Amino acid sequence: MSVIDTGSAEHYRWGGVCDGWHLVKQPGLSVIEERVPPGGSETRHAHARARQFFYVLAGELAIEVDGITHRVAAGQGLEIAPAHAHQLANSGGTDARFLVVSQPASHNDRLPAPLNMSC
């Protein structure tokens, strides 16, 4: 057991411009700090088993869940239950930093969930 921060945590890049740091990386629990620059976003998806909680540390996120967009500012969080399609984006002017807590871990649990468009 040791103290961890973004300087010592396992780092990865995603989406070409976003960063993630594994603060806790266990099969039953994942805690990741992420950074998304202005204009950055993730691909819309769902998780079969993982329940997630997004907690914004700095900036603001627009998190769309099942077609409803939630504005989540610093000091606020949003829980997403398994099987609910979602996508986050940073439409603000500064980097968004946030925690993603997933139980169980969400890696290898991702399902594509494109937005259905009809005429």
PDB file of N, CA and C in Angstrom:
ATOM      1  N   MET A   1       0.845  -1.163   0.000  1.00  0.00           N
ATOM      2  CA  MET A   1       0.000   0.000   0.000  1.00  0.00           C
ATOM      3  C   MET A   1       0.900   1.240   0.000  1.00  0.00           C
ATOM      4  N   SER A   2       0.598   2.189  -0.899  1.00  0.00           N
ATOM      5  CA  SER A   2       1.382   3.413  -0.936  1.00  0.00           C
ATOM      6  C   SER A   2       0.532   4.562  -1.456  1.00  0.00           C
ATOM      7  N   VAL A   3       0.968   5.752  -1.142  1.00  0.00           N
ATOM      8  CA  VAL A   3       0.290   6.954  -1.619  1.00  0.00           C
ATOM      9  C   VAL A   3       0.506   7.058  -3.128  1.00  0.00           C
ATOM     10  N   ILE A   4      -0.536   7.460  -3.855  1.00  0.00           N
ATOM     11  CA  ILE A   4      -0.446   7.556  -5.317  1.00  0.00           C
ATOM     12  C   ILE A   4      -0.969   8.910  -5.770  1.00  0.00           C
ATOM     13  N   ASP A   5      -0.420   9.408  -6.864  1.00  0.00           N
ATOM     14  CA  ASP A   5      -0.905  10.632  -7.499  1.00  0.00           C
ATOM     15  C   ASP A   5      -0.650  10.504  -8.999  1.00  0.00           C
ATOM     16  N   THR A   6      -0.987  11.534  -9.769  1.00  0.00           N
ATOM     17  CA  THR A   6      -0.835  11.430 -11.221  1.00  0.00           C
ATOM     18  C   THR A   6       0.633  11.358 -11.650  1.00  0.00           C
ATOM     19  N   GLY A   7       1.539  11.743 -10.778  1.00  0.00           N
ATOM     20  CA  GLY A   7       2.955  11.629 -11.095  1.00  0.00           C
ATOM     21  C   GLY A   7       3.487  10.214 -10.986  1.00  0.00           C
ATOM     22  N   SER A   8       2.842   9.397 -10.170  1.00  0.00           N
ATOM     23  CA  SER A   8       3.314   8.028  -9.970  1.00  0.00           C
ATOM     24  C   SER A   8       2.356   6.971 -10.531  1.00  0.00           C
ATOM     25  N   ALA A   9       1.157   7.370 -10.920  1.00  0.00           N
ATOM     26  CA  ALA A   9       0.158   6.421 -11.420  1.00  0.00           C
ATOM     27  C   ALA A   9       0.458   6.010 -12.860  1.00  0.00           C
ATOM     28  N   GLU A  10      -0.043   4.829 -13.235  1.00  0.00           N
ATOM     29  CA  GLU A  10       0.044   4.376 -14.625  1.00  0.00           C
ATOM     30  C   GLU A  10      -0.741   5.345 -15.507  1.00  0.00           C
ATOM     31  N   HIS A  11      -0.098   5.883 -16.544  1.00  0.00           N
ATOM     32  CA  HIS A  11      -0.698   6.886 -17.425  1.00  0.00           C
ATOM     33  C   HIS A  11      -1.042   6.265 -18.774  1.00  0.00           C
ATOM     34  N   TYR A  12      -2.126   6.745 -19.394  1.00  0.00           N
ATOM     35  CA  TYR A  12      -2.444   6.355 -20.770  1.00  0.00           C
ATOM     36  C   TYR A  12      -3.080   7.533 -21.487  1.00  0.00           C
ATOM     37  N   ARG A  13      -2.972   7.551 -22.816  1.00  0.00           N
ATOM     38  CA  ARG A  13      -3.613   8.560 -23.662  1.00  0.00           C
ATOM     39  C   ARG A  13      -4.804   7.910 -24.333  1.00  0.00           C
ATOM     40  N   TRP A  14      -5.862   8.701 -24.511  1.00  0.00           N
ATOM     41  CA  TRP A  14      -7.008   8.193 -25.258  1.00  0.00           C
ATOM     42  C   TRP A  14      -7.581   9.322 -26.102  1.00  0.00           C
ATOM     43  N   GLY A  15      -8.207   8.968 -27.189  1.00  0.00           N
ATOM     44  CA  GLY A  15      -8.798   9.957 -28.069  1.00  0.00           C
ATOM     45  C   GLY A  15      -7.784  10.902 -28.702  1.00  0.00           C
ATOM     46  N   GLY A  16      -6.509  10.570 -28.610  1.00  0.00           N
ATOM     47  CA  GLY A  16      -5.470  11.395 -29.216  1.00  0.00           C
ATOM     48  C   GLY A  16      -5.042  12.602 -28.407  1.00  0.00           C
ATOM     49  N   VAL A  17      -5.939  13.145 -27.562  1.00  0.00           N
ATOM     50  CA  VAL A  17      -5.631  14.384 -26.838  1.00  0.00           C
ATOM     51  C   VAL A  17      -5.965  14.321 -25.351  1.00  0.00           C
ATOM     52  N   CYS A  18      -6.516  13.215 -24.897  1.00  0.00           N
ATOM     53  CA  CYS A  18      -6.968  13.092 -23.509  1.00  0.00           C
ATOM     54  C   CYS A  18      -6.011  12.219 -22.707  1.00  0.00           C
ATOM     55  N   ASP A  19      -5.977  12.433 -21.387  1.00  0.00           N
ATOM     56  CA  ASP A  19      -5.097  11.681 -20.503  1.00  0.00           C
ATOM     57  C   ASP A  19      -5.896  10.977 -19.423  1.00  0.00           C
ATOM     58  N   GLY A  20      -5.378   9.828 -18.989  1.00  0.00           N
ATOM     59  CA  GLY A  20      -5.947   9.101 -17.866  1.00  0.00           C
ATOM     60  C   GLY A  20      -4.842   8.547 -16.987  1.00  0.00           C
ATOM     61  N   TRP A  21      -5.096   8.524 -15.679  1.00  0.00           N
ATOM     62  CA  TRP A  21      -4.154   7.975 -14.705  1.00  0.00           C
ATOM     63  C   TRP A  21      -4.893   6.970 -13.827  1.00  0.00           C
ATOM     64  N   HIS A  22      -4.427   5.726 -13.810  1.00  0.00           N
ATOM     65  CA  HIS A  22      -5.042   4.688 -12.986  1.00  0.00           C
ATOM     66  C   HIS A  22      -4.608   4.893 -11.529  1.00  0.00           C
ATOM     67  N   LEU A  23      -5.515   5.388 -10.700  1.00  0.00           N
ATOM     68  CA  LEU A  23      -5.233   5.556  -9.275  1.00  0.00           C
ATOM     69  C   LEU A  23      -5.497   4.260  -8.516  1.00  0.00           C
ATOM     70  N   VAL A  24      -6.543   3.537  -8.925  1.00  0.00           N
ATOM     71  CA  VAL A  24      -6.838   2.187  -8.429  1.00  0.00           C
ATOM     72  C   VAL A  24      -7.188   1.361  -9.654  1.00  0.00           C
ATOM     73  N   LYS A  25      -6.507   0.239  -9.826  1.00  0.00           N
ATOM     74  CA  LYS A  25      -6.744  -0.619 -10.995  1.00  0.00           C
ATOM     75  C   LYS A  25      -6.858  -2.061 -10.518  1.00  0.00           C
ATOM     76  N   GLN A  26      -8.056  -2.405 -10.080  1.00  0.00           N
ATOM     77  CA  GLN A  26      -8.356  -3.750  -9.587  1.00  0.00           C
ATOM     78  C   GLN A  26      -9.578  -4.272 -10.347  1.00  0.00           C
ATOM     79  N   PRO A  27      -9.741  -5.591 -10.470  1.00  0.00           N
ATOM     80  CA  PRO A  27     -10.906  -6.115 -11.193  1.00  0.00           C
ATOM     81  C   PRO A  27     -12.246  -5.639 -10.616  1.00  0.00           C
ATOM     82  N   GLY A  28     -12.328  -5.498  -9.304  1.00  0.00           N
ATOM     83  CA  GLY A  28     -13.589  -5.120  -8.682  1.00  0.00           C
ATOM     84  C   GLY A  28     -13.805  -3.626  -8.531  1.00  0.00           C
ATOM     85  N   LEU A  29     -12.758  -2.822  -8.752  1.00  0.00           N
ATOM     86  CA  LEU A  29     -12.861  -1.370  -8.561  1.00  0.00           C
ATOM     87  C   LEU A  29     -11.803  -0.658  -9.379  1.00  0.00           C
ATOM     88  N   SER A  30     -12.221   0.387 -10.080  1.00  0.00           N
ATOM     89  CA  SER A  30     -11.302   1.223 -10.846  1.00  0.00           C
ATOM     90  C   SER A  30     -11.548   2.674 -10.471  1.00  0.00           C
ATOM     91  N   VAL A  31     -10.465   3.406 -10.194  1.00  0.00           N
ATOM     92  CA  VAL A  31     -10.538   4.851  -9.983  1.00  0.00           C
ATOM     93  C   VAL A  31      -9.514   5.474 -10.921  1.00  0.00           C
ATOM     94  N   ILE A  32      -9.997   6.316 -11.828  1.00  0.00           N
ATOM     95  CA  ILE A  32      -9.144   6.950 -12.826  1.00  0.00           C
ATOM     96  C   ILE A  32      -9.335   8.459 -12.748  1.00  0.00           C
ATOM     97  N   GLU A  33      -8.226   9.208 -12.742  1.00  0.00           N
ATOM     98  CA  GLU A  33      -8.309  10.651 -12.948  1.00  0.00           C
ATOM     99  C   GLU A  33      -8.084  10.892 -14.429  1.00  0.00           C
ATOM    100  N   GLU A  34      -8.957  11.690 -15.034  1.00  0.00           N
ATOM    101  CA  GLU A  34      -8.835  11.964 -16.458  1.00  0.00           C
ATOM    102  C   GLU A  34      -8.782  13.463 -16.715  1.00  0.00           C
ATOM    103  N   ARG A  35      -8.155  13.802 -17.864  1.00  0.00           N
ATOM    104  CA  ARG A  35      -8.091  15.178 -18.333  1.00  0.00           C
ATOM    105  C   ARG A  35      -8.577  15.196 -19.772  1.00  0.00           C
ATOM    106  N   VAL A  36      -9.551  16.078 -20.038  1.00  0.00           N
ATOM    107  CA  VAL A  36     -10.076  16.251 -21.393  1.00  0.00           C
ATOM    108  C   VAL A  36      -9.952  17.732 -21.735  1.00  0.00           C
ATOM    109  N   PRO A  37      -9.236  18.066 -22.819  1.00  0.00           N
ATOM    110  CA  PRO A  37      -9.090  19.466 -23.195  1.00  0.00           C
ATOM    111  C   PRO A  37     -10.383  20.015 -23.814  1.00  0.00           C
ATOM    112  N   PRO A  38     -10.491  21.329 -23.956  1.00  0.00           N
ATOM    113  CA  PRO A  38     -11.669  21.903 -24.612  1.00  0.00           C
ATOM    114  C   PRO A  38     -11.899  21.262 -25.981  1.00  0.00           C
ATOM    115  N   GLY A  39     -13.126  20.895 -26.252  1.00  0.00           N
ATOM    116  CA  GLY A  39     -13.483  20.253 -27.516  1.00  0.00           C
ATOM    117  C   GLY A  39     -13.303  18.755 -27.532  1.00  0.00           C
ATOM    118  N   GLY A  40     -12.670  18.189 -26.495  1.00  0.00           N
ATOM    119  CA  GLY A  40     -12.447  16.741 -26.442  1.00  0.00           C
ATOM    120  C   GLY A  40     -13.710  16.003 -26.037  1.00  0.00           C
ATOM    121  N   SER A  41     -13.824  14.752 -26.498  1.00  0.00           N
ATOM    122  CA  SER A  41     -14.988  13.928 -26.134  1.00  0.00           C
ATOM    123  C   SER A  41     -14.629  12.458 -26.295  1.00  0.00           C
ATOM    124  N   GLU A  42     -15.503  11.608 -25.778  1.00  0.00           N
ATOM    125  CA  GLU A  42     -15.328  10.170 -25.938  1.00  0.00           C
ATOM    126  C   GLU A  42     -16.401   9.629 -26.871  1.00  0.00           C
ATOM    127  N   THR A  43     -16.233   8.414 -27.322  1.00  0.00           N
ATOM    128  CA  THR A  43     -17.216   7.740 -28.160  1.00  0.00           C
ATOM    129  C   THR A  43     -18.378   7.288 -27.280  1.00  0.00           C
ATOM    130  N   ARG A  44     -19.597   7.461 -27.793  1.00  0.00           N
ATOM    131  CA  ARG A  44     -20.782   7.043 -27.037  1.00  0.00           C
ATOM    132  C   ARG A  44     -20.750   5.532 -26.847  1.00  0.00           C
ATOM    133  N   HIS A  45     -21.043   5.093 -25.609  1.00  0.00           N
ATOM    134  CA  HIS A  45     -20.955   3.672 -25.275  1.00  0.00           C
ATOM    135  C   HIS A  45     -21.781   3.373 -24.033  1.00  0.00           C
ATOM    136  N   ALA A  46     -21.815   2.111 -23.666  1.00  0.00           N
ATOM    137  CA  ALA A  46     -22.455   1.658 -22.428  1.00  0.00           C
ATOM    138  C   ALA A  46     -21.541   0.591 -21.819  1.00  0.00           C
ATOM    139  N   HIS A  47     -21.854   0.194 -20.595  1.00  0.00           N
ATOM    140  CA  HIS A  47     -21.120  -0.886 -19.936  1.00  0.00           C
ATOM    141  C   HIS A  47     -22.119  -1.953 -19.506  1.00  0.00           C
ATOM    142  N   ALA A  48     -21.779  -3.209 -19.764  1.00  0.00           N
ATOM    143  CA  ALA A  48     -22.682  -4.314 -19.433  1.00  0.00           C
ATOM    144  C   ALA A  48     -22.831  -4.493 -17.930  1.00  0.00           C
ATOM    145  N   ARG A  49     -21.714  -4.369 -17.185  1.00  0.00           N
ATOM    146  CA  ARG A  49     -21.739  -4.641 -15.744  1.00  0.00           C
ATOM    147  C   ARG A  49     -21.362  -3.445 -14.877  1.00  0.00           C
ATOM    148  N   ALA A  50     -20.495  -2.589 -15.369  1.00  0.00           N
ATOM    149  CA  ALA A  50     -19.932  -1.534 -14.525  1.00  0.00           C
ATOM    150  C   ALA A  50     -20.912  -0.399 -14.242  1.00  0.00           C
ATOM    151  N   ARG A  51     -20.967  -0.022 -12.976  1.00  0.00           N
ATOM    152  CA  ARG A  51     -21.651   1.203 -12.538  1.00  0.00           C
ATOM    153  C   ARG A  51     -20.546   2.246 -12.413  1.00  0.00           C
ATOM    154  N   GLN A  52     -20.786   3.458 -12.943  1.00  0.00           N
ATOM    155  CA  GLN A  52     -19.751   4.488 -12.916  1.00  0.00           C
ATOM    156  C   GLN A  52     -20.231   5.747 -12.214  1.00  0.00           C
ATOM    157  N   PHE A  53     -19.263   6.424 -11.605  1.00  0.00           N
ATOM    158  CA  PHE A  53     -19.520   7.726 -10.987  1.00  0.00           C
ATOM    159  C   PHE A  53     -18.450   8.686 -11.488  1.00  0.00           C
ATOM    160  N   PHE A  54     -18.895   9.769 -12.126  1.00  0.00           N
ATOM    161  CA  PHE A  54     -18.005  10.808 -12.633  1.00  0.00           C
ATOM    162  C   PHE A  54     -18.061  11.991 -11.664  1.00  0.00           C
ATOM    163  N   TYR A  55     -16.896  12.400 -11.156  1.00  0.00           N
ATOM    164  CA  TYR A  55     -16.817  13.525 -10.214  1.00  0.00           C
ATOM    165  C   TYR A  55     -15.840  14.544 -10.781  1.00  0.00           C
ATOM    166  N   VAL A  56     -16.338  15.764 -11.063  1.00  0.00           N
ATOM    167  CA  VAL A  56     -15.530  16.792 -11.708  1.00  0.00           C
ATOM    168  C   VAL A  56     -14.696  17.536 -10.673  1.00  0.00           C
ATOM    169  N   LEU A  57     -13.383  17.570 -10.925  1.00  0.00           N
ATOM    170  CA  LEU A  57     -12.433  18.270 -10.055  1.00  0.00           C
ATOM    171  C   LEU A  57     -12.212  19.705 -10.518  1.00  0.00           C
ATOM    172  N   ALA A  58     -12.168  19.922 -11.832  1.00  0.00           N
ATOM    173  CA  ALA A  58     -11.928  21.250 -12.407  1.00  0.00           C
ATOM    174  C   ALA A  58     -12.582  21.309 -13.780  1.00  0.00           C
ATOM    175  N   GLY A  59     -13.080  22.479 -14.150  1.00  0.00           N
ATOM    176  CA  GLY A  59     -13.739  22.642 -15.432  1.00  0.00           C
ATOM    177  C   GLY A  59     -15.184  22.173 -15.372  1.00  0.00           C
ATOM    178  N   GLU A  60     -15.711  21.787 -16.533  1.00  0.00           N
ATOM    179  CA  GLU A  60     -17.102  21.338 -16.632  1.00  0.00           C
ATOM    180  C   GLU A  60     -17.221  20.301 -17.731  1.00  0.00           C
ATOM    181  N   LEU A  61     -18.080  19.320 -17.514  1.00  0.00           N
ATOM    182  CA  LEU A  61     -18.365  18.296 -18.515  1.00  0.00           C
ATOM    183  C   LEU A  61     -19.827  18.357 -18.928  1.00  0.00           C
ATOM    184  N   ALA A  62     -20.077  18.026 -20.171  1.00  0.00           N
ATOM    185  CA  ALA A  62     -21.431  17.745 -20.645  1.00  0.00           C
ATOM    186  C   ALA A  62     -21.484  16.232 -20.797  1.00  0.00           C
ATOM    187  N   ILE A  63     -22.306  15.577 -19.982  1.00  0.00           N
ATOM    188  CA  ILE A  63     -22.403  14.115 -20.035  1.00  0.00           C
ATOM    189  C   ILE A  63     -23.814  13.763 -20.505  1.00  0.00           C
ATOM    190  N   GLU A  64     -23.883  13.157 -21.680  1.00  0.00           N
ATOM    191  CA  GLU A  64     -25.164  12.729 -22.238  1.00  0.00           C
ATOM    192  C   GLU A  64     -25.414  11.293 -21.795  1.00  0.00           C
ATOM    193  N   VAL A  65     -26.589  11.069 -21.203  1.00  0.00           N
ATOM    194  CA  VAL A  65     -26.991   9.735 -20.764  1.00  0.00           C
ATOM    195  C   VAL A  65     -28.389   9.476 -21.306  1.00  0.00           C
ATOM    196  N   ASP A  66     -28.506   8.441 -22.130  1.00  0.00           N
ATOM    197  CA  ASP A  66     -29.805   8.065 -22.696  1.00  0.00           C
ATOM    198  C   ASP A  66     -30.526   9.251 -23.336  1.00  0.00           C
ATOM    199  N   GLY A  67     -29.774  10.102 -24.039  1.00  0.00           N
ATOM    200  CA  GLY A  67     -30.371  11.224 -24.771  1.00  0.00           C
ATOM    201  C   GLY A  67     -30.557  12.495 -23.976  1.00  0.00           C
ATOM    202  N   ILE A  68     -30.240  12.508 -22.699  1.00  0.00           N
ATOM    203  CA  ILE A  68     -30.377  13.706 -21.860  1.00  0.00           C
ATOM    204  C   ILE A  68     -28.981  14.183 -21.473  1.00  0.00           C
ATOM    205  N   THR A  69     -28.676  15.467 -21.752  1.00  0.00           N
ATOM    206  CA  THR A  69     -27.358  16.018 -21.439  1.00  0.00           C
ATOM    207  C   THR A  69     -27.379  16.691 -20.078  1.00  0.00           C
ATOM    208  N   HIS A  70     -26.420  16.311 -19.254  1.00  0.00           N
ATOM    209  CA  HIS A  70     -26.266  16.864 -17.907  1.00  0.00           C
ATOM    210  C   HIS A  70     -25.003  17.716 -17.885  1.00  0.00           C
ATOM    211  N   ARG A  71     -25.096  18.938 -17.391  1.00  0.00           N
ATOM    212  CA  ARG A  71     -23.923  19.795 -17.189  1.00  0.00           C
ATOM    213  C   ARG A  71     -23.408  19.511 -15.785  1.00  0.00           C
ATOM    214  N   VAL A  72     -22.144  19.086 -15.693  1.00  0.00           N
ATOM    215  CA  VAL A  72     -21.562  18.709 -14.410  1.00  0.00           C
ATOM    216  C   VAL A  72     -20.337  19.599 -14.181  1.00  0.00           C
ATOM    217  N   ALA A  73     -20.419  20.474 -13.175  1.00  0.00           N
ATOM    218  CA  ALA A  73     -19.361  21.439 -12.879  1.00  0.00           C
ATOM    219  C   ALA A  73     -18.447  20.916 -11.778  1.00  0.00           C
ATOM    220  N   ALA A  74     -17.342  21.620 -11.554  1.00  0.00           N
ATOM    221  CA  ALA A  74     -16.401  21.252 -10.489  1.00  0.00           C
ATOM    222  C   ALA A  74     -17.148  21.153  -9.162  1.00  0.00           C
ATOM    223  N   GLY A  75     -16.875  20.077  -8.429  1.00  0.00           N
ATOM    224  CA  GLY A  75     -17.540  19.832  -7.155  1.00  0.00           C
ATOM    225  C   GLY A  75     -18.845  19.076  -7.290  1.00  0.00           C
ATOM    226  N   GLN A  76     -19.202  18.670  -8.517  1.00  0.00           N
ATOM    227  CA  GLN A  76     -20.433  17.915  -8.755  1.00  0.00           C
ATOM    228  C   GLN A  76     -20.098  16.565  -9.381  1.00  0.00           C
ATOM    229  N   GLY A  77     -21.027  15.618  -9.252  1.00  0.00           N
ATOM    230  CA  GLY A  77     -20.829  14.293  -9.817  1.00  0.00           C
ATOM    231  C   GLY A  77     -22.101  13.748 -10.426  1.00  0.00           C
ATOM    232  N   LEU A  78     -21.958  12.678 -11.197  1.00  0.00           N
ATOM    233  CA  LEU A  78     -23.096  12.027 -11.846  1.00  0.00           C
ATOM    234  C   LEU A  78     -22.849  10.521 -11.860  1.00  0.00           C
ATOM    235  N   GLU A  79     -23.842   9.759 -11.391  1.00  0.00           N
ATOM    236  CA  GLU A  79     -23.770   8.296 -11.395  1.00  0.00           C
ATOM    237  C   GLU A  79     -24.446   7.757 -12.649  1.00  0.00           C
ATOM    238  N   ILE A  80     -23.828   6.748 -13.274  1.00  0.00           N
ATOM    239  CA  ILE A  80     -24.402   6.109 -14.449  1.00  0.00           C
ATOM    240  C   ILE A  80     -24.484   4.612 -14.181  1.00  0.00           C
ATOM    241  N   ALA A  81     -25.702   4.097 -14.222  1.00  0.00           N
ATOM    242  CA  ALA A  81     -25.949   2.672 -13.964  1.00  0.00           C
ATOM    243  C   ALA A  81     -25.524   1.831 -15.168  1.00  0.00           C
ATOM    244  N   PRO A  82     -25.272   0.540 -14.954  1.00  0.00           N
ATOM    245  CA  PRO A  82     -24.915  -0.339 -16.068  1.00  0.00           C
ATOM    246  C   PRO A  82     -25.980  -0.302 -17.167  1.00  0.00           C
ATOM    247  N   ALA A  83     -25.530  -0.509 -18.399  1.00  0.00           N
ATOM    248  CA  ALA A  83     -26.383  -0.621 -19.591  1.00  0.00           C
ATOM    249  C   ALA A  83     -26.985   0.706 -20.061  1.00  0.00           C
ATOM    250  N   HIS A  84     -26.623   1.829 -19.448  1.00  0.00           N
ATOM    251  CA  HIS A  84     -27.120   3.128 -19.895  1.00  0.00           C
ATOM    252  C   HIS A  84     -26.087   3.771 -20.821  1.00  0.00           C
ATOM    253  N   ALA A  85     -26.503   4.041 -22.053  1.00  0.00           N
ATOM    254  CA  ALA A  85     -25.608   4.645 -23.042  1.00  0.00           C
ATOM    255  C   ALA A  85     -25.224   6.050 -22.593  1.00  0.00           C
ATOM    256  N   HIS A  86     -23.933   6.393 -22.776  1.00  0.00           N
ATOM    257  CA  HIS A  86     -23.472   7.707 -22.352  1.00  0.00           C
ATOM    258  C   HIS A  86     -22.257   8.164 -23.161  1.00  0.00           C
ATOM    259  N   GLN A  87     -22.019   9.473 -23.092  1.00  0.00           N
ATOM    260  CA  GLN A  87     -20.883  10.095 -23.770  1.00  0.00           C
ATOM    261  C   GLN A  87     -20.580  11.397 -23.048  1.00  0.00           C
ATOM    262  N   LEU A  88     -19.289  11.643 -22.788  1.00  0.00           N
ATOM    263  CA  LEU A  88     -18.922  12.907 -22.158  1.00  0.00           C
ATOM    264  C   LEU A  88     -18.163  13.766 -23.143  1.00  0.00           C
ATOM    265  N   ALA A  89     -18.266  15.084 -22.943  1.00  0.00           N
ATOM    266  CA  ALA A  89     -17.574  16.047 -23.785  1.00  0.00           C
ATOM    267  C   ALA A  89     -17.216  17.263 -22.942  1.00  0.00           C
ATOM    268  N   ASN A  90     -16.133  17.906 -23.336  1.00  0.00           N
ATOM    269  CA  ASN A  90     -15.743  19.168 -22.704  1.00  0.00           C
ATOM    270  C   ASN A  90     -16.037  20.279 -23.704  1.00  0.00           C
ATOM    271  N   SER A  91     -17.130  20.995 -23.481  1.00  0.00           N
ATOM    272  CA  SER A  91     -17.497  22.099 -24.368  1.00  0.00           C
ATOM    273  C   SER A  91     -17.069  23.441 -23.777  1.00  0.00           C
ATOM    274  N   GLY A  92     -16.341  23.406 -22.660  1.00  0.00           N
ATOM    275  CA  GLY A  92     -15.869  24.628 -22.012  1.00  0.00           C
ATOM    276  C   GLY A  92     -14.568  25.119 -22.624  1.00  0.00           C
ATOM    277  N   GLY A  93     -14.029  26.165 -22.036  1.00  0.00           N
ATOM    278  CA  GLY A  93     -12.816  26.794 -22.546  1.00  0.00           C
ATOM    279  C   GLY A  93     -11.548  26.387 -21.819  1.00  0.00           C
ATOM    280  N   THR A  94     -11.653  25.516 -20.810  1.00  0.00           N
ATOM    281  CA  THR A  94     -10.482  25.066 -20.054  1.00  0.00           C
ATOM    282  C   THR A  94     -10.502  23.542 -19.946  1.00  0.00           C
ATOM    283  N   ASP A  95      -9.356  22.975 -19.599  1.00  0.00           N
ATOM    284  CA  ASP A  95      -9.298  21.524 -19.391  1.00  0.00           C
ATOM    285  C   ASP A  95     -10.308  21.099 -18.328  1.00  0.00           C
ATOM    286  N   ALA A  96     -10.944  19.958 -18.550  1.00  0.00           N
ATOM    287  CA  ALA A  96     -11.788  19.336 -17.529  1.00  0.00           C
ATOM    288  C   ALA A  96     -10.968  18.220 -16.896  1.00  0.00           C
ATOM    289  N   ARG A  97     -10.916  18.205 -15.566  1.00  0.00           N
ATOM    290  CA  ARG A  97     -10.256  17.118 -14.816  1.00  0.00           C
ATOM    291  C   ARG A  97     -11.321  16.498 -13.939  1.00  0.00           C
ATOM    292  N   PHE A  98     -11.349  15.176 -13.917  1.00  0.00           N
ATOM    293  CA  PHE A  98     -12.411  14.496 -13.193  1.00  0.00           C
ATOM    294  C   PHE A  98     -11.969  13.100 -12.805  1.00  0.00           C
ATOM    295  N   LEU A  99     -12.691  12.525 -11.836  1.00  0.00           N
ATOM    296  CA  LEU A  99     -12.492  11.138 -11.429  1.00  0.00           C
ATOM    297  C   LEU A  99     -13.585  10.282 -12.045  1.00  0.00           C
ATOM    298  N   VAL A 100     -13.200   9.094 -12.499  1.00  0.00           N
ATOM    299  CA  VAL A 100     -14.160   8.094 -12.951  1.00  0.00           C
ATOM    300  C   VAL A 100     -13.988   6.892 -12.031  1.00  0.00           C
ATOM    301  N   VAL A 101     -15.013   6.609 -11.246  1.00  0.00           N
ATOM    302  CA  VAL A 101     -15.001   5.469 -10.337  1.00  0.00           C
ATOM    303  C   VAL A 101     -15.917   4.415 -10.946  1.00  0.00           C
ATOM    304  N   SER A 102     -15.385   3.221 -11.179  1.00  0.00           N
ATOM    305  CA  SER A 102     -16.160   2.147 -11.810  1.00  0.00           C
ATOM    306  C   SER A 102     -16.120   0.903 -10.938  1.00  0.00           C
ATOM    307  N   GLN A 103     -17.308   0.291 -10.768  1.00  0.00           N
ATOM    308  CA  GLN A 103     -17.415  -0.927  -9.963  1.00  0.00           C
ATOM    309  C   GLN A 103     -18.359  -1.892 -10.658  1.00  0.00           C
ATOM    310  N   PRO A 104     -17.903  -3.075 -11.124  1.00  0.00           N
ATOM    311  CA  PRO A 104     -16.499  -3.472 -11.209  1.00  0.00           C
ATOM    312  C   PRO A 104     -15.783  -2.631 -12.251  1.00  0.00           C
ATOM    313  N   ALA A 105     -14.489  -2.863 -12.431  1.00  0.00           N
ATOM    314  CA  ALA A 105     -13.708  -2.101 -13.409  1.00  0.00           C
ATOM    315  C   ALA A 105     -14.390  -2.150 -14.772  1.00  0.00           C
ATOM    316  N   SER A 106     -14.345  -1.035 -15.503  1.00  0.00           N
ATOM    317  CA  SER A 106     -15.087  -0.926 -16.762  1.00  0.00           C
ATOM    318  C   SER A 106     -14.285  -1.334 -17.994  1.00  0.00           C
ATOM    319  N   HIS A 107     -12.980  -1.522 -17.868  1.00  0.00           N
ATOM    320  CA  HIS A 107     -12.198  -1.933 -19.026  1.00  0.00           C
ATOM    321  C   HIS A 107     -12.631  -3.330 -19.461  1.00  0.00           C
ATOM    322  N   ASN A 108     -12.713  -3.531 -20.747  1.00  0.00           N
ATOM    323  CA  ASN A 108     -13.204  -4.784 -21.351  1.00  0.00           C
ATOM    324  C   ASN A 108     -14.690  -5.010 -21.078  1.00  0.00           C
ATOM    325  N   ASP A 109     -15.411  -3.973 -20.721  1.00  0.00           N
ATOM    326  CA  ASP A 109     -16.851  -4.058 -20.441  1.00  0.00           C
ATOM    327  C   ASP A 109     -17.612  -3.046 -21.306  1.00  0.00           C
ATOM    328  N   ARG A 110     -16.955  -2.501 -22.304  1.00  0.00           N
ATOM    329  CA  ARG A 110     -17.518  -1.435 -23.128  1.00  0.00           C
ATOM    330  C   ARG A 110     -18.326  -1.991 -24.288  1.00  0.00           C
ATOM    331  N   LEU A 111     -19.517  -1.443 -24.485  1.00  0.00           N
ATOM    332  CA  LEU A 111     -20.388  -1.829 -25.588  1.00  0.00           C
ATOM    333  C   LEU A 111     -20.644  -0.591 -26.443  1.00  0.00           C
ATOM    334  N   PRO A 112     -20.519  -0.687 -27.768  1.00  0.00           N
ATOM    335  CA  PRO A 112     -20.822   0.476 -28.605  1.00  0.00           C
ATOM    336  C   PRO A 112     -22.289   0.851 -28.461  1.00  0.00           C
ATOM    337  N   ALA A 113     -22.570   2.132 -28.477  1.00  0.00           N
ATOM    338  CA  ALA A 113     -23.957   2.601 -28.345  1.00  0.00           C
ATOM    339  C   ALA A 113     -24.154   3.840 -29.199  1.00  0.00           C
ATOM    340  N   PRO A 114     -24.105   3.682 -30.528  1.00  0.00           N
ATOM    341  CA  PRO A 114     -24.293   4.864 -31.378  1.00  0.00           C
ATOM    342  C   PRO A 114     -25.677   5.450 -31.186  1.00  0.00           C
ATOM    343  N   LEU A 115     -25.757   6.756 -31.347  1.00  0.00           N
ATOM    344  CA  LEU A 115     -27.036   7.448 -31.226  1.00  0.00           C
ATOM    345  C   LEU A 115     -27.876   7.078 -32.435  1.00  0.00           C
ATOM    346  N   ASN A 116     -29.063   6.549 -32.199  1.00  0.00           N
ATOM    347  CA  ASN A 116     -29.938   6.157 -33.303  1.00  0.00           C
ATOM    348  C   ASN A 116     -30.580   7.384 -33.916  1.00  0.00           C
ATOM    349  N   MET A 117     -30.385   7.555 -35.198  1.00  0.00           N
ATOM    350  CA  MET A 117     -30.952   8.689 -35.921  1.00  0.00           C
ATOM    351  C   MET A 117     -32.007   8.148 -36.885  1.00  0.00           C
ATOM    352  N   SER A 118     -33.155   8.789 -36.930  1.00  0.00           N
ATOM    353  CA  SER A 118     -34.190   8.367 -37.874  1.00  0.00           C
ATOM    354  C   SER A 118     -34.840   9.597 -38.487  1.00  0.00           C
ATOM    355  N   CYS A 119     -35.451   9.397 -39.645  1.00  0.00           N
ATOM    356  CA  CYS A 119     -36.090  10.512 -40.359  1.00  0.00           C
ATOM    357  C   CYS A 119     -37.507  10.693 -39.903  1.00  0.00           C
TER     358      CYS A 119
END
